[in-house]
C-alpha atoms as a PDB file:
ATOM      1  CA  MET A   1      11.596  36.160  84.641  1.00  0.00           C
ATOM      2  CA  ASP A   2      14.625  35.982  82.353  1.00  0.00           C
ATOM      3  CA  GLN A   3      15.996  32.539  81.604  1.00  0.00           C
ATOM      4  CA  GLU A   4      19.160  31.744  83.544  1.00  0.00           C
ATOM      5  CA  LYS A   5      22.343  31.914  81.498  1.00  0.00           C
ATOM      6  CA  VAL A   6      24.674  28.907  81.352  1.00  0.00           C
ATOM      7  CA  SER A   7      28.463  29.068  81.164  1.00  0.00           C
ATOM      8  CA  VAL A   8      30.427  25.885  80.427  1.00  0.00           C
ATOM      9  CA  ILE A   9      33.984  25.755  81.762  1.00  0.00           C
ATOM     10  CA  VAL A  10      36.396  23.290  80.168  1.00  0.00           C
ATOM     11  CA  PRO A  11      39.890  22.944  81.692  1.00  0.00           C
ATOM     12  CA  ALA A  12      42.363  21.208  79.380  1.00  0.00           C
ATOM     13  CA  TYR A  13      45.838  19.794  79.846  1.00  0.00           C
ATOM     14  CA  ASN A  14      47.285  17.930  76.838  1.00  0.00           C
ATOM     15  CA  GLU A  15      43.876  17.130  75.339  1.00  0.00           C
ATOM     16  CA  GLU A  16      44.643  17.503  71.619  1.00  0.00           C
ATOM     17  CA  LYS A  17      42.823  14.259  70.777  1.00  0.00           C
ATOM     18  CA  THR A  18      39.407  15.390  72.013  1.00  0.00           C
ATOM     19  CA  ILE A  19      39.242  19.121  72.766  1.00  0.00           C
ATOM     20  CA  GLU A  20      38.159  20.178  69.269  1.00  0.00           C
ATOM     21  CA  LYS A  21      35.197  17.796  69.256  1.00  0.00           C
ATOM     22  CA  VAL A  22      34.096  18.884  72.736  1.00  0.00           C
ATOM     23  CA  VAL A  23      34.146  22.607  71.869  1.00  0.00           C
ATOM     24  CA  THR A  24      32.523  22.080  68.464  1.00  0.00           C
ATOM     25  CA  PHE A  25      29.614  20.301  70.121  1.00  0.00           C
ATOM     26  CA  LEU A  26      29.229  22.997  72.797  1.00  0.00           C
ATOM     27  CA  LEU A  27      29.088  25.684  70.117  1.00  0.00           C
ATOM     28  CA  SER A  28      26.187  23.826  68.494  1.00  0.00           C
ATOM     29  CA  SER A  29      24.203  23.404  71.726  1.00  0.00           C
ATOM     30  CA  SER A  30      21.224  25.682  72.345  1.00  0.00           C
ATOM     31  CA  LEU A  31      21.548  24.965  76.083  1.00  0.00           C
ATOM     32  CA  VAL A  32      24.895  26.755  76.364  1.00  0.00           C
ATOM     33  CA  ASP A  33      25.310  30.540  76.406  1.00  0.00           C
ATOM     34  CA  GLU A  34      29.049  30.820  77.003  1.00  0.00           C
ATOM     35  CA  ILE A  35      32.070  28.534  76.592  1.00  0.00           C
ATOM     36  CA  ILE A  36      35.221  29.146  78.620  1.00  0.00           C
ATOM     37  CA  CYS A  37      38.256  27.008  77.830  1.00  0.00           C
ATOM     38  CA  ILE A  38      41.390  27.056  79.970  1.00  0.00           C
ATOM     39  CA  ASN A  39      44.587  25.654  78.499  1.00  0.00           C
ATOM     40  CA  ASP A  40      46.477  24.633  81.629  1.00  0.00           C
ATOM     41  CA  GLY A  41      50.042  24.765  80.310  1.00  0.00           C
ATOM     42  CA  SER A  42      49.606  22.005  77.721  1.00  0.00           C
ATOM     43  CA  LYS A  43      52.692  20.736  75.915  1.00  0.00           C
ATOM     44  CA  ASP A  44      50.823  19.338  72.914  1.00  0.00           C
ATOM     45  CA  SER A  45      48.586  21.049  70.322  1.00  0.00           C
ATOM     46  CA  THR A  46      45.763  21.952  72.724  1.00  0.00           C
ATOM     47  CA  GLU A  47      46.613  25.673  72.654  1.00  0.00           C
ATOM     48  CA  LYS A  48      46.770  25.792  68.859  1.00  0.00           C
ATOM     49  CA  ILE A  49      43.445  23.979  68.482  1.00  0.00           C
ATOM     50  CA  LEU A  50      41.634  26.276  70.928  1.00  0.00           C
ATOM     51  CA  LYS A  51      42.998  29.428  69.304  1.00  0.00           C
ATOM     52  CA  GLN A  52      41.377  28.354  66.030  1.00  0.00           C
ATOM     53  CA  PHE A  53      37.938  28.966  67.553  1.00  0.00           C
ATOM     54  CA  GLY A  54      38.739  32.677  67.857  1.00  0.00           C
ATOM     55  CA  ASN A  55      36.106  34.812  69.579  1.00  0.00           C
ATOM     56  CA  LYS A  56      33.529  32.008  69.500  1.00  0.00           C
ATOM     57  CA  ILE A  57      34.874  30.984  72.893  1.00  0.00           C
ATOM     58  CA  ILE A  58      36.546  32.692  75.834  1.00  0.00           C
ATOM     59  CA  PHE A  59      40.091  31.365  75.932  1.00  0.00           C
ATOM     60  CA  ILE A  60      42.387  31.513  78.960  1.00  0.00           C
ATOM     61  CA  ASN A  61      45.902  30.427  78.039  1.00  0.00           C
ATOM     62  CA  LEU A  62      48.132  29.511  80.986  1.00  0.00           C
ATOM     63  CA  LYS A  63      51.769  29.007  80.082  1.00  0.00           C
ATOM     64  CA  GLN A  64      52.446  26.838  83.150  1.00  0.00           C
ATOM     65  CA  ASN A  65      50.420  23.936  84.486  1.00  0.00           C
ATOM     66  CA  LYS A  66      48.822  25.106  87.738  1.00  0.00           C
ATOM     67  CA  GLY A  67      46.254  22.357  88.271  1.00  0.00           C
ATOM     68  CA  LYS A  68      42.568  21.838  87.648  1.00  0.00           C
ATOM     69  CA  GLY A  69      41.450  23.732  90.754  1.00  0.00           C
ATOM     70  CA  ASN A  70      43.173  26.892  89.562  1.00  0.00           C
ATOM     71  CA  ALA A  71      41.798  26.518  86.036  1.00  0.00           C
ATOM     72  CA  LEU A  72      38.224  26.138  87.249  1.00  0.00           C
ATOM     73  CA  ALA A  73      38.566  29.067  89.651  1.00  0.00           C
ATOM     74  CA  GLN A  74      39.719  31.332  86.828  1.00  0.00           C
ATOM     75  CA  GLY A  75      36.803  30.211  84.698  1.00  0.00           C
ATOM     76  CA  ILE A  76      34.282  30.844  87.465  1.00  0.00           C
ATOM     77  CA  GLU A  77      35.542  34.354  88.103  1.00  0.00           C
ATOM     78  CA  ILE A  78      35.033  35.507  84.504  1.00  0.00           C
ATOM     79  CA  ALA A  79      31.873  33.507  83.738  1.00  0.00           C
ATOM     80  CA  LYS A  80      28.810  35.588  82.903  1.00  0.00           C
ATOM     81  CA  GLY A  81      26.329  32.767  83.368  1.00  0.00           C
ATOM     82  CA  ASP A  82      24.117  32.256  86.407  1.00  0.00           C
ATOM     83  CA  ILE A  83      24.920  28.541  86.248  1.00  0.00           C
ATOM     84  CA  VAL A  84      28.375  27.119  85.590  1.00  0.00           C
ATOM     85  CA  ILE A  85      28.891  23.629  84.201  1.00  0.00           C
ATOM     86  CA  PHE A  86      32.278  21.937  84.471  1.00  0.00           C
ATOM     87  CA  LEU A  87      33.160  19.452  81.737  1.00  0.00           C
ATOM     88  CA  ASP A  88      36.310  17.409  81.202  1.00  0.00           C
ATOM     89  CA  ALA A  89      38.091  18.008  77.898  1.00  0.00           C
ATOM     90  CA  ASP A  90      38.507  14.302  77.092  1.00  0.00           C
ATOM     91  CA  LEU A  91      34.827  13.470  76.529  1.00  0.00           C
ATOM     92  CA  VAL A  92      34.060  11.784  73.213  1.00  0.00           C
ATOM     93  CA  THR A  93      30.267  11.267  73.178  1.00  0.00           C
ATOM     94  CA  LEU A  94      28.929  14.479  74.725  1.00  0.00           C
ATOM     95  CA  SER A  95      25.328  15.374  73.860  1.00  0.00           C
ATOM     96  CA  ASP A  96      22.533  17.801  74.772  1.00  0.00           C
ATOM     97  CA  GLU A  97      20.996  15.042  76.903  1.00  0.00           C
ATOM     98  CA  HIS A  98      24.028  15.188  79.203  1.00  0.00           C
ATOM     99  CA  ILE A  99      23.892  18.996  79.453  1.00  0.00           C
ATOM    100  CA  HIS A 100      20.165  18.841  80.228  1.00  0.00           C
ATOM    101  CA  LEU A 101      20.670  16.237  82.960  1.00  0.00           C
ATOM    102  CA  LEU A 102      23.282  18.426  84.645  1.00  0.00           C
ATOM    103  CA  LEU A 103      21.120  21.548  84.462  1.00  0.00           C
ATOM    104  CA  GLU A 104      17.698  20.243  85.421  1.00  0.00           C
ATOM    105  CA  PRO A 105      18.125  19.869  89.228  1.00  0.00           C
ATOM    106  CA  LEU A 106      19.433  23.441  89.479  1.00  0.00           C
ATOM    107  CA  GLN A 107      16.811  24.922  87.208  1.00  0.00           C
ATOM    108  CA  LYS A 108      14.059  23.199  89.185  1.00  0.00           C
ATOM    109  CA  LYS A 109      15.660  24.449  92.419  1.00  0.00           C
ATOM    110  CA  THR A 110      15.661  20.958  93.929  1.00  0.00           C
ATOM    111  CA  HIS A 111      19.432  20.876  94.554  1.00  0.00           C
ATOM    112  CA  ARG A 112      22.407  23.232  94.903  1.00  0.00           C
ATOM    113  CA  ALA A 113      25.010  20.979  93.275  1.00  0.00           C
ATOM    114  CA  VAL A 114      24.907  18.354  90.518  1.00  0.00           C
ATOM    115  CA  ILE A 115      27.501  15.652  89.903  1.00  0.00           C
ATOM    116  CA  GLY A 116      27.106  13.647  86.717  1.00  0.00           C
ATOM    117  CA  HIS A 117      29.120  10.483  86.306  1.00  0.00           C
ATOM    118  CA  LEU A 118      29.959   8.205  83.415  1.00  0.00           C
ATOM    119  CA  VAL A 119      28.355   4.774  83.461  1.00  0.00           C
ATOM    120  CA  GLY A 120      30.743   1.826  83.197  1.00  0.00           C
ATOM    121  CA  LYS A 121      30.124  -1.436  81.373  1.00  0.00           C
ATOM    122  CA  MET A 122      28.875  -2.976  84.626  1.00  0.00           C
ATOM    123  CA  GLY A 123      26.161  -0.317  84.949  1.00  0.00           C
ATOM    124  CA  PHE A 124      27.908   1.895  87.484  1.00  0.00           C
ATOM    125  CA  ASN A 125      31.085   3.906  87.846  1.00  0.00           C
ATOM    126  CA  ILE A 126      33.454   3.542  90.785  1.00  0.00           C
ATOM    127  CA  PHE A 127      34.771   7.079  90.241  1.00  0.00           C
ATOM    128  CA  SER A 128      31.455   8.936  90.502  1.00  0.00           C
ATOM    129  CA  GLU A 129      32.585  10.776  93.652  1.00  0.00           C
ATOM    130  CA  ILE A 130      35.411  12.452  91.752  1.00  0.00           C
ATOM    131  CA  SER A 131      33.653  13.023  88.440  1.00  0.00           C
ATOM    132  CA  GLY A 132      34.587  16.187  86.574  1.00  0.00           C
ATOM    133  CA  GLN A 133      31.095  16.682  85.090  1.00  0.00           C
ATOM    134  CA  ARG A 134      29.313  19.082  87.459  1.00  0.00           C
ATOM    135  CA  ALA A 135      26.923  22.037  87.691  1.00  0.00           C
ATOM    136  CA  TYR A 136      26.571  24.809  90.280  1.00  0.00           C
ATOM    137  CA  TYR A 137      25.263  28.325  90.665  1.00  0.00           C
ATOM    138  CA  LYS A 138      28.159  30.691  90.097  1.00  0.00           C
ATOM    139  CA  ALA A 139      27.195  32.864  93.067  1.00  0.00           C
ATOM    140  CA  GLU A 140      27.585  29.905  95.418  1.00  0.00           C
ATOM    141  CA  LEU A 141      31.117  29.118  94.217  1.00  0.00           C
ATOM    142  CA  MET A 142      32.512  32.647  94.099  1.00  0.00           C
ATOM    143  CA  PRO A 143      33.325  32.787  97.849  1.00  0.00           C
ATOM    144  CA  HIS A 144      35.492  29.672  97.455  1.00  0.00           C
ATOM    145  CA  THR A 145      37.617  30.444  94.389  1.00  0.00           C
ATOM    146  CA  ASP A 146      40.678  31.475  96.414  1.00  0.00           C
ATOM    147  CA  GLU A 147      40.700  28.075  98.141  1.00  0.00           C
ATOM    148  CA  MET A 148      40.090  26.247  94.860  1.00  0.00           C
ATOM    149  CA  ILE A 149      43.254  27.660  93.332  1.00  0.00           C
ATOM    150  CA  ASP A 150      45.504  25.488  95.510  1.00  0.00           C
ATOM    151  CA  THR A 151      43.572  22.215  95.341  1.00  0.00           C
ATOM    152  CA  ARG A 152      44.977  20.996  92.004  1.00  0.00           C
ATOM    153  CA  PHE A 153      43.703  17.449  91.311  1.00  0.00           C
ATOM    154  CA  GLY A 154      41.830  17.325  94.604  1.00  0.00           C
ATOM    155  CA  ILE A 155      39.296  19.869  93.383  1.00  0.00           C
ATOM    156  CA  GLU A 156      36.414  17.380  93.137  1.00  0.00           C
ATOM    157  CA  MET A 157      36.782  16.313  96.773  1.00  0.00           C
ATOM    158  CA  PHE A 158      36.957  19.987  97.773  1.00  0.00           C
ATOM    159  CA  LEU A 159      33.741  20.740  95.874  1.00  0.00           C
ATOM    160  CA  ASN A 160      32.059  17.704  97.438  1.00  0.00           C
ATOM    161  CA  GLY A 161      32.610  19.281 100.837  1.00  0.00           C
ATOM    162  CA  LEU A 162      30.823  22.530  99.984  1.00  0.00           C
ATOM    163  CA  PHE A 163      27.316  21.085  99.938  1.00  0.00           C
ATOM    164  CA  SER A 164      25.575  18.370 101.933  1.00  0.00           C
ATOM    165  CA  GLU A 165      24.540  15.051 100.392  1.00  0.00           C
ATOM    166  CA  LYS A 166      20.913  16.167 100.559  1.00  0.00           C
ATOM    167  CA  GLU A 167      21.778  19.316  98.561  1.00  0.00           C
ATOM    168  CA  THR A 168      23.748  17.371  95.959  1.00  0.00           C
ATOM    169  CA  LYS A 169      22.193  15.449  93.074  1.00  0.00           C
ATOM    170  CA  LYS A 170      24.280  12.581  91.693  1.00  0.00           C
ATOM    171  CA  ILE A 171      23.143  11.381  88.303  1.00  0.00           C
ATOM    172  CA  PRO A 172      24.397   8.887  85.692  1.00  0.00           C
ATOM    173  CA  LEU A 173      25.164  10.303  82.248  1.00  0.00           C
ATOM    174  CA  PRO A 174      24.169   7.479  79.858  1.00  0.00           C
ATOM    175  CA  LYS A 175      26.440   6.744  76.893  1.00  0.00           C
ATOM    176  CA  LEU A 176      28.935   9.438  77.892  1.00  0.00           C
ATOM    177  CA  ARG A 177      32.522   8.295  77.533  1.00  0.00           C
ATOM    178  CA  GLY A 178      35.869   9.896  78.259  1.00  0.00           C
ATOM    179  CA  LEU A 179      39.339   8.703  77.352  1.00  0.00           C
ATOM    180  CA  PHE A 180      41.480   6.915  79.915  1.00  0.00           C
ATOM    181  CA  LYS A 181      44.947   8.323  80.509  1.00  0.00           C
ATOM    182  CA  TYR A 182      46.544   5.292  78.850  1.00  0.00           C
ATOM    183  CA  GLU A 183      44.586   6.173  75.695  1.00  0.00           C
ATOM    184  CA  LYS A 184      46.118   9.652  75.647  1.00  0.00           C
ATOM    185  CA  GLN A 185      49.729   9.081  76.691  1.00  0.00           C
ATOM    186  CA  ASP A 186      52.378   6.443  77.314  1.00  0.00           C
ATOM    187  CA  GLY A 187      51.886   3.921  80.103  1.00  0.00           C
ATOM    188  CA  GLU A 188      54.585   5.197  82.440  1.00  0.00           C
ATOM    189  CA  THR A 189      53.320   8.786  82.316  1.00  0.00           C
ATOM    190  CA  ALA A 190      49.731   7.617  82.838  1.00  0.00           C
ATOM    191  CA  ILE A 191      50.687   5.624  85.932  1.00  0.00           C
ATOM    192  CA  LYS A 192      52.561   8.572  87.436  1.00  0.00           C
ATOM    193  CA  GLU A 193      49.582  10.874  86.848  1.00  0.00           C
ATOM    194  CA  TYR A 194      47.095   8.405  88.349  1.00  0.00           C
ATOM    195  CA  ILE A 195      49.223   8.169  91.477  1.00  0.00           C
ATOM    196  CA  GLN A 196      49.761  11.919  91.741  1.00  0.00           C
ATOM    197  CA  GLU A 197      46.065  12.648  91.326  1.00  0.00           C
ATOM    198  CA  GLY A 198      45.184  10.039  93.960  1.00  0.00           C
ATOM    199  CA  ILE A 199      47.619  11.651  96.387  1.00  0.00           C
ATOM    200  CA  GLU A 200      46.226  15.138  95.702  1.00  0.00           C
ATOM    201  CA  ILE A 201      42.706  13.889  96.403  1.00  0.00           C
ATOM    202  CA  ALA A 202      43.888  12.279  99.648  1.00  0.00           C
ATOM    203  CA  LYS A 203      45.557  15.533 100.695  1.00  0.00           C
ATOM    204  CA  VAL A 204      42.276  17.426 100.426  1.00  0.00           C
ATOM    205  CA  ILE A 205      40.730  14.930 102.846  1.00  0.00           C
ATOM    206  CA  ALA A 206      43.792  15.125 105.092  1.00  0.00           C
ATOM    207  CA  ASN A 207      43.470  18.914 105.334  1.00  0.00           C
ATOM    208  CA  LYS A 208      40.092  18.484 107.030  1.00  0.00           C
ATOM    209  CA  GLU A 209      40.992  15.581 109.306  1.00  0.00           C
ATOM    210  CA  ILE A 210      43.726  14.759 111.811  1.00  0.00           C
ATOM    211  CA  LEU A 211      45.725  11.873 110.327  1.00  0.00           C
ATOM    212  CA  PRO A 212      47.812   9.323 112.193  1.00  0.00           C
ATOM    213  CA  LYS A 213      51.488  10.197 111.725  1.00  0.00           C
ATOM    214  CA  GLY A 214      52.023   6.928 109.871  1.00  0.00           C
ATOM    215  CA  ASP A 215      49.426   7.866 107.240  1.00  0.00           C
ATOM    216  CA  SER A 216      51.183  11.138 106.450  1.00  0.00           C
ATOM    217  CA  ILE A 217      54.457   9.272 105.950  1.00  0.00           C
ATOM    218  CA  LEU A 218      52.790   6.629 103.771  1.00  0.00           C
ATOM    219  CA  LEU A 219      51.221   9.279 101.512  1.00  0.00           C
ATOM    220  CA  LYS A 220      54.674  10.676 100.803  1.00  0.00           C
ATOM    221  CA  GLU A 221      56.041   7.197 100.111  1.00  0.00           C
ATOM    222  CA  ILE A 222      53.169   6.217  97.802  1.00  0.00           C
ATOM    223  CA  SER A 223      53.854   9.164  95.516  1.00  0.00           C
ATOM    224  CA  ALA A 224      57.232   7.606  94.641  1.00  0.00           C
ATOM    225  CA  ILE A 225      56.019   4.015  94.083  1.00  0.00           C
ATOM    226  CA  THR A 226      55.371   2.837  90.524  1.00  0.00           C
ATOM    227  CA  ASP A 227      54.838  -0.937  90.807  1.00  0.00           C
ATOM    228  CA  MET A 228      51.412  -2.405  91.542  1.00  0.00           C
ATOM    229  CA  ASN A 229      52.494  -4.702  94.396  1.00  0.00           C
ATOM    230  CA  GLY A 230      54.254  -1.864  96.189  1.00  0.00           C
ATOM    231  CA  LEU A 231      51.173   0.333  95.847  1.00  0.00           C
ATOM    232  CA  LYS A 232      48.884  -2.371  97.200  1.00  0.00           C
ATOM    233  CA  GLU A 233      51.096  -2.965 100.227  1.00  0.00           C
ATOM    234  CA  SER A 234      51.451   0.712 101.111  1.00  0.00           C
ATOM    235  CA  ILE A 235      47.778   1.573 100.595  1.00  0.00           C
ATOM    236  CA  ALA A 236      46.755  -1.400 102.747  1.00  0.00           C
ATOM    237  CA  LYS A 237      48.667   0.167 105.663  1.00  0.00           C
ATOM    238  CA  ILE A 238      46.692   3.432 105.565  1.00  0.00           C
ATOM    239  CA  LYS A 239      44.524   3.706 108.689  1.00  0.00           C
ATOM    240  CA  ASN A 240      42.216   6.545 107.638  1.00  0.00           C
ATOM    241  CA  LYS A 241      39.304   4.719 106.001  1.00  0.00           C
ATOM    242  CA  ARG A 242      38.236   7.566 103.703  1.00  0.00           C
ATOM    243  CA  ILE A 243      41.719   8.043 102.322  1.00  0.00           C
ATOM    244  CA  LYS A 244      42.317   4.310 101.956  1.00  0.00           C
ATOM    245  CA  ASN A 245      39.024   3.949 100.076  1.00  0.00           C
ATOM    246  CA  ILE A 246      39.882   6.785  97.669  1.00  0.00           C
ATOM    247  CA  LEU A 247      43.374   5.424  96.989  1.00  0.00           C
ATOM    248  CA  GLU A 248      42.064   1.906  96.430  1.00  0.00           C
ATOM    249  CA  LYS A 249      39.367   3.120  94.045  1.00  0.00           C
ATOM    250  CA  TYR A 250      41.251   5.843  92.246  1.00  0.00           C
ATOM    251  CA  ILE A 251      44.724   4.352  91.964  1.00  0.00           C
ATOM    252  CA  LEU A 252      44.441   0.563  92.191  1.00  0.00           C
ATOM    253  CA  LYS A 253      41.149   0.023  90.354  1.00  0.00           C
ATOM    254  CA  TYR A 254      41.992   2.600  87.697  1.00  0.00           C
ATOM    255  CA  LEU A 255      45.350   0.955  87.036  1.00  0.00           C
ATOM    256  CA  LEU A 256      43.870  -2.554  86.989  1.00  0.00           C
ATOM    257  CA  LEU A 257      41.159  -1.397  84.600  1.00  0.00           C
ATOM    258  CA  SER A 258      43.690   0.235  82.291  1.00  0.00           C
ATOM    259  CA  GLU A 259      45.765  -2.938  82.210  1.00  0.00           C
ATOM    260  CA  LYS A 260      42.729  -5.005  81.196  1.00  0.00           C
ATOM    261  CA  GLN A 261      41.853  -2.603  78.376  1.00  0.00           C
ATOM    262  CA  LYS A 262      45.323  -2.689  76.773  1.00  0.00           C
END
């Protein structure tokens, strides 16, 4: 039986600080058969850096930012591998160990989806549910690419809903580190993006559940709030427990963590 081919899909939006190192590593890995990079309308040097790799990679260059869900969907549709691995473009310590950990549960046929998460200093990561490091069989994602296109930053929550917990393997990726938004851009922009991404994730949940009218109104209000106290007060009023939990973890804890690291 022929060995299954592996395609790695890397969506990138303003990742000039790390994208070259990520792609250079992937090109050196014997575990990877194909590298697909999607420049999602970056305004920095991401496009220029990726073009330098020439035909060593498959390069999709989007002139406008259309969101991570769209970028991944485009990568899936052209991938030639049996297995597709999704990797964030801001990783700084990527190794073959991490690729192997993502592949193993699929290759052994013990699971249908793999989510690998970074390990924080405390030994765990509060954002494991929305980690961007994942592996799937391409054939199982193809029927869902049209829906993925519109999910933007909520793509991880959408993917979580495709397979049961029993079918999904969640694994820590030791020593893997990615840059925080505040390490890549100014503080105000980082805060706005954290909030927007949190709202997009909440919307994916909202699409599958009937929300109290007040929650829908609060989600719209939260997207315009930029101060920590205002965010805390508004999030505390959310009645849907899943959405409140995501907003507390993704927005509040991320922002508090970034403040401590400055």
